[in-house]
Amino acid sequence: MPQGFLSLGLGETWDLDTLAGDALKPAGGHAIALVGYNPDGVFFNTWGARTFMPWATFSAIADEAYGLLSRQNWLGVPGTAPTGEDFDPLLAEVRAA
């Protein structure tokens, strides 16, 4: 996480394009919970506040991510994603990545 993000207020957008100089220096890691996304980026929770990060920033600073797949949740609904993808092909795709 860049040093410049440490001085942002809760809920302020994390955008590398707004930082320069020393603000871009790494300040260490930070775990966040992704809670949504849109074509412009991801929504995440940090310190109890919902925050936004553009895709370019996420791609530049994220070094690992984890996702949860629950067969029970998929089968409790219709068993497919909104795009029609079945659980087993999705699980195979994730395992292959």
C-alpha atoms as a PDB file:
ATOM      1  CA  MET A   1       0.000   0.000   0.000  1.00  0.00           C
ATOM      2  CA  PRO A   2       1.427   3.413  -0.917  1.00  0.00           C
ATOM      3  CA  GLN A   3       2.257   5.894   1.839  1.00  0.00           C
ATOM      4  CA  GLY A   4      -0.216   8.410   0.398  1.00  0.00           C
ATOM      5  CA  PHE A   5      -3.206   6.178   1.126  1.00  0.00           C
ATOM      6  CA  LEU A   6      -2.492   6.356   4.863  1.00  0.00           C
ATOM      7  CA  SER A   7      -3.512  10.007   4.987  1.00  0.00           C
ATOM      8  CA  LEU A   8      -6.838   9.535   3.185  1.00  0.00           C
ATOM      9  CA  GLY A   9     -10.039   9.880   5.149  1.00  0.00           C
ATOM     10  CA  LEU A  10     -12.321   6.901   5.625  1.00  0.00           C
ATOM     11  CA  GLY A  11     -14.201   6.154   2.435  1.00  0.00           C
ATOM     12  CA  GLU A  12     -11.978   8.276   0.182  1.00  0.00           C
ATOM     13  CA  THR A  13     -11.048   6.679  -3.148  1.00  0.00           C
ATOM     14  CA  TRP A  14      -7.691   4.918  -3.334  1.00  0.00           C
ATOM     15  CA  ASP A  15      -6.315   6.093  -6.693  1.00  0.00           C
ATOM     16  CA  LEU A  16      -2.610   5.947  -7.580  1.00  0.00           C
ATOM     17  CA  ASP A  17      -3.144   8.682 -10.172  1.00  0.00           C
ATOM     18  CA  THR A  18      -3.725  11.159  -7.321  1.00  0.00           C
ATOM     19  CA  LEU A  19      -0.343  10.446  -5.709  1.00  0.00           C
ATOM     20  CA  ALA A  20       3.174  11.654  -6.533  1.00  0.00           C
ATOM     21  CA  GLY A  21       6.678  11.593  -5.080  1.00  0.00           C
ATOM     22  CA  ASP A  22       7.055  10.178  -1.580  1.00  0.00           C
ATOM     23  CA  ALA A  23       3.317   9.429  -1.420  1.00  0.00           C
ATOM     24  CA  LEU A  24       3.958   6.566  -3.872  1.00  0.00           C
ATOM     25  CA  LYS A  25       6.542   4.875  -1.622  1.00  0.00           C
ATOM     26  CA  PRO A  26       5.409   1.513  -0.209  1.00  0.00           C
ATOM     27  CA  ALA A  27       4.141   1.690   3.363  1.00  0.00           C
ATOM     28  CA  GLY A  28       3.521  -2.039   3.838  1.00  0.00           C
ATOM     29  CA  GLY A  29       0.625  -4.378   3.189  1.00  0.00           C
ATOM     30  CA  HIS A  30      -3.026  -4.135   4.092  1.00  0.00           C
ATOM     31  CA  ALA A  31      -5.756  -6.773   3.884  1.00  0.00           C
ATOM     32  CA  ILE A  32      -9.083  -5.600   2.490  1.00  0.00           C
ATOM     33  CA  ALA A  33     -12.389  -7.329   1.806  1.00  0.00           C
ATOM     34  CA  LEU A  34     -13.667  -6.792  -1.733  1.00  0.00           C
ATOM     35  CA  VAL A  35     -17.432  -6.336  -1.560  1.00  0.00           C
ATOM     36  CA  GLY A  36     -18.351  -5.356  -5.105  1.00  0.00           C
ATOM     37  CA  TYR A  37     -17.174  -4.077  -8.449  1.00  0.00           C
ATOM     38  CA  ASN A  38     -18.264  -2.179 -11.529  1.00  0.00           C
ATOM     39  CA  PRO A  39     -16.621  -1.403 -14.887  1.00  0.00           C
ATOM     40  CA  ASP A  40     -14.512   1.318 -13.207  1.00  0.00           C
ATOM     41  CA  GLY A  41     -13.068  -0.633 -10.263  1.00  0.00           C
ATOM     42  CA  VAL A  42     -13.652  -2.434  -6.969  1.00  0.00           C
ATOM     43  CA  PHE A  43     -15.463  -1.557  -3.771  1.00  0.00           C
ATOM     44  CA  PHE A  44     -13.833  -2.747  -0.567  1.00  0.00           C
ATOM     45  CA  ASN A  45     -14.077  -2.413   3.187  1.00  0.00           C
ATOM     46  CA  THR A  46     -11.181  -1.005   5.174  1.00  0.00           C
ATOM     47  CA  TRP A  47     -11.382   0.084   8.787  1.00  0.00           C
ATOM     48  CA  GLY A  48     -15.158  -0.321   8.649  1.00  0.00           C
ATOM     49  CA  ALA A  49     -15.688   2.033   5.700  1.00  0.00           C
ATOM     50  CA  ARG A  50     -16.742   1.172   2.180  1.00  0.00           C
ATOM     51  CA  THR A  51     -14.113   2.535  -0.200  1.00  0.00           C
ATOM     52  CA  PHE A  52     -13.489   2.524  -3.968  1.00  0.00           C
ATOM     53  CA  MET A  53     -10.350   1.700  -5.977  1.00  0.00           C
ATOM     54  CA  PRO A  54     -10.027   1.997  -9.788  1.00  0.00           C
ATOM     55  CA  TRP A  55      -9.001  -1.173 -11.646  1.00  0.00           C
ATOM     56  CA  ALA A  56      -5.627   0.328 -12.619  1.00  0.00           C
ATOM     57  CA  THR A  57      -4.764   0.930  -8.959  1.00  0.00           C
ATOM     58  CA  PHE A  58      -6.006  -2.514  -7.901  1.00  0.00           C
ATOM     59  CA  SER A  59      -3.926  -4.190 -10.627  1.00  0.00           C
ATOM     60  CA  ALA A  60      -0.849  -2.211  -9.632  1.00  0.00           C
ATOM     61  CA  ILE A  61      -0.913  -2.804  -5.873  1.00  0.00           C
ATOM     62  CA  ALA A  62      -2.692  -6.140  -5.288  1.00  0.00           C
ATOM     63  CA  ASP A  63      -0.271  -9.025  -4.941  1.00  0.00           C
ATOM     64  CA  GLU A  64      -2.690 -11.757  -3.885  1.00  0.00           C
ATOM     65  CA  ALA A  65      -6.419 -12.376  -3.621  1.00  0.00           C
ATOM     66  CA  TYR A  66      -8.667 -15.094  -2.283  1.00  0.00           C
ATOM     67  CA  GLY A  67     -12.193 -15.995  -3.268  1.00  0.00           C
ATOM     68  CA  LEU A  68     -14.825 -18.202  -1.710  1.00  0.00           C
ATOM     69  CA  LEU A  69     -16.949 -20.619  -3.701  1.00  0.00           C
ATOM     70  CA  SER A  70     -19.785 -22.366  -1.907  1.00  0.00           C
ATOM     71  CA  ARG A  71     -21.531 -25.232  -3.662  1.00  0.00           C
ATOM     72  CA  GLN A  72     -24.329 -24.913  -1.102  1.00  0.00           C
ATOM     73  CA  ASN A  73     -24.970 -21.278  -2.032  1.00  0.00           C
ATOM     74  CA  TRP A  74     -24.851 -22.020  -5.751  1.00  0.00           C
ATOM     75  CA  LEU A  75     -27.188 -24.977  -5.465  1.00  0.00           C
ATOM     76  CA  GLY A  76     -29.526 -23.117  -3.103  1.00  0.00           C
ATOM     77  CA  VAL A  77     -30.254 -20.603  -5.850  1.00  0.00           C
ATOM     78  CA  PRO A  78     -30.571 -21.980  -9.387  1.00  0.00           C
ATOM     79  CA  GLY A  79     -27.026 -23.459  -9.332  1.00  0.00           C
ATOM     80  CA  THR A  80     -25.689 -21.070 -11.949  1.00  0.00           C
ATOM     81  CA  ALA A  81     -24.150 -17.617 -12.060  1.00  0.00           C
ATOM     82  CA  PRO A  82     -26.187 -14.753 -13.523  1.00  0.00           C
ATOM     83  CA  THR A  83     -24.270 -15.411 -16.751  1.00  0.00           C
ATOM     84  CA  GLY A  84     -25.477 -19.029 -16.737  1.00  0.00           C
ATOM     85  CA  GLU A  85     -22.131 -20.568 -15.750  1.00  0.00           C
ATOM     86  CA  ASP A  86     -22.458 -23.763 -13.714  1.00  0.00           C
ATOM     87  CA  PHE A  87     -20.567 -24.239 -10.454  1.00  0.00           C
ATOM     88  CA  ASP A  88     -18.357 -27.172 -11.545  1.00  0.00           C
ATOM     89  CA  PRO A  89     -16.903 -25.462 -14.650  1.00  0.00           C
ATOM     90  CA  LEU A  90     -16.266 -22.340 -12.551  1.00  0.00           C
ATOM     91  CA  LEU A  91     -14.472 -24.387  -9.889  1.00  0.00           C
ATOM     92  CA  ALA A  92     -12.354 -26.098 -12.577  1.00  0.00           C
ATOM     93  CA  GLU A  93     -11.444 -22.694 -14.038  1.00  0.00           C
ATOM     94  CA  VAL A  94     -10.384 -21.366 -10.627  1.00  0.00           C
ATOM     95  CA  ARG A  95      -8.319 -24.473  -9.875  1.00  0.00           C
ATOM     96  CA  ALA A  96      -6.533 -24.152 -13.237  1.00  0.00           C
ATOM     97  CA  ALA A  97      -5.562 -20.509 -12.646  1.00  0.00           C
END
